[in-house]
Amino acid sequence: MPHKITDECILCGACLPECPEEAISEGDPKYIIDPKKCTDCGNCAEVCPTDACVPDE
């Protein structure tokens, strides 16, 4: 199940270098995850200081 980034995102950028699939990109007003690229590794969720990276249920 791919992850998504909620409105809790503060654009800190911590998740960008952690994504091995380069599925995360800067959006407006928050980062976004391309669900076609996301492999559900959870690296983004582990480093997110606001818990904005969550499974997209």
C-alpha atoms as a PDB file:
ATOM      1  CA  MET A   1       0.000   0.000   0.000  1.00  0.00           C
ATOM      2  CA  PRO A   2       1.586   3.316  -0.999  1.00  0.00           C
ATOM      3  CA  HIS A   3       2.007   6.146   1.451  1.00  0.00           C
ATOM      4  CA  LYS A   4       0.575   9.648   1.199  1.00  0.00           C
ATOM      5  CA  ILE A   5       1.498  12.939   2.808  1.00  0.00           C
ATOM      6  CA  THR A   6      -1.157  14.652   4.893  1.00  0.00           C
ATOM      7  CA  ASP A   7      -1.751  18.342   5.554  1.00  0.00           C
ATOM      8  CA  GLU A   8       0.515  18.016   8.608  1.00  0.00           C
ATOM      9  CA  CYS A   9       3.491  18.348   6.214  1.00  0.00           C
ATOM     10  CA  ILE A  10       5.705  21.332   7.081  1.00  0.00           C
ATOM     11  CA  LEU A  11       7.883  21.092   3.944  1.00  0.00           C
ATOM     12  CA  CYS A  12      10.988  20.269   5.987  1.00  0.00           C
ATOM     13  CA  GLY A  13      12.374  17.974   3.272  1.00  0.00           C
ATOM     14  CA  ALA A  14      13.426  15.172   5.618  1.00  0.00           C
ATOM     15  CA  CYS A  15      11.580  12.588   3.524  1.00  0.00           C
ATOM     16  CA  LEU A  16      13.087  13.464   0.126  1.00  0.00           C
ATOM     17  CA  PRO A  17      16.518  11.824   0.492  1.00  0.00           C
ATOM     18  CA  GLU A  18      15.017   8.799   2.268  1.00  0.00           C
ATOM     19  CA  CYS A  19      12.868   7.626  -0.656  1.00  0.00           C
ATOM     20  CA  PRO A  20      14.755   4.985  -2.682  1.00  0.00           C
ATOM     21  CA  GLU A  21      12.232   5.227  -5.528  1.00  0.00           C
ATOM     22  CA  GLU A  22      12.291   9.046  -5.792  1.00  0.00           C
ATOM     23  CA  ALA A  23       8.496   8.990  -5.415  1.00  0.00           C
ATOM     24  CA  ILE A  24       8.362  12.177  -3.335  1.00  0.00           C
ATOM     25  CA  SER A  25       8.288  15.603  -4.920  1.00  0.00           C
ATOM     26  CA  GLU A  26       7.628  19.140  -3.785  1.00  0.00           C
ATOM     27  CA  GLY A  27       4.032  20.184  -4.207  1.00  0.00           C
ATOM     28  CA  ASP A  28       2.013  23.157  -3.115  1.00  0.00           C
ATOM     29  CA  PRO A  29       1.401  23.440  -0.177  1.00  0.00           C
ATOM     30  CA  LYS A  30       2.960  20.089   0.817  1.00  0.00           C
ATOM     31  CA  TYR A  31       5.159  17.337  -0.561  1.00  0.00           C
ATOM     32  CA  ILE A  32       3.410  14.627  -2.565  1.00  0.00           C
ATOM     33  CA  ILE A  33       4.081  10.931  -3.109  1.00  0.00           C
ATOM     34  CA  ASP A  34       3.550   9.350  -6.527  1.00  0.00           C
ATOM     35  CA  PRO A  35       1.567   6.188  -5.673  1.00  0.00           C
ATOM     36  CA  LYS A  36       2.824   4.490  -8.860  1.00  0.00           C
ATOM     37  CA  LYS A  37       6.429   4.793  -7.655  1.00  0.00           C
ATOM     38  CA  CYS A  38       5.922   4.208  -3.915  1.00  0.00           C
ATOM     39  CA  THR A  39       6.906   0.693  -2.796  1.00  0.00           C
ATOM     40  CA  ASP A  40       5.671   1.088   0.818  1.00  0.00           C
ATOM     41  CA  CYS A  41       9.151   0.925   2.331  1.00  0.00           C
ATOM     42  CA  GLY A  42       8.132   3.334   5.107  1.00  0.00           C
ATOM     43  CA  ASN A  43      11.403   5.290   5.104  1.00  0.00           C
ATOM     44  CA  CYS A  44       9.515   8.575   4.767  1.00  0.00           C
ATOM     45  CA  ALA A  45       7.294   7.806   7.743  1.00  0.00           C
ATOM     46  CA  GLU A  46      10.294   6.953   9.915  1.00  0.00           C
ATOM     47  CA  VAL A  47      11.932  10.362   9.447  1.00  0.00           C
ATOM     48  CA  CYS A  48       8.890  12.645   9.274  1.00  0.00           C
ATOM     49  CA  PRO A  49       8.869  14.928  12.344  1.00  0.00           C
ATOM     50  CA  THR A  50       5.117  15.607  12.098  1.00  0.00           C
ATOM     51  CA  ASP A  51       3.960  12.064  11.221  1.00  0.00           C
ATOM     52  CA  ALA A  52       2.586  13.405   7.927  1.00  0.00           C
ATOM     53  CA  CYS A  53       3.632  10.318   5.913  1.00  0.00           C
ATOM     54  CA  VAL A  54       0.934   7.688   6.370  1.00  0.00           C
ATOM     55  CA  PRO A  55      -0.351   4.626   4.510  1.00  0.00           C
ATOM     56  CA  ASP A  56      -2.869   5.606   1.820  1.00  0.00           C
ATOM     57  CA  GLU A  57      -5.839   3.482   2.813  1.00  0.00           C
END
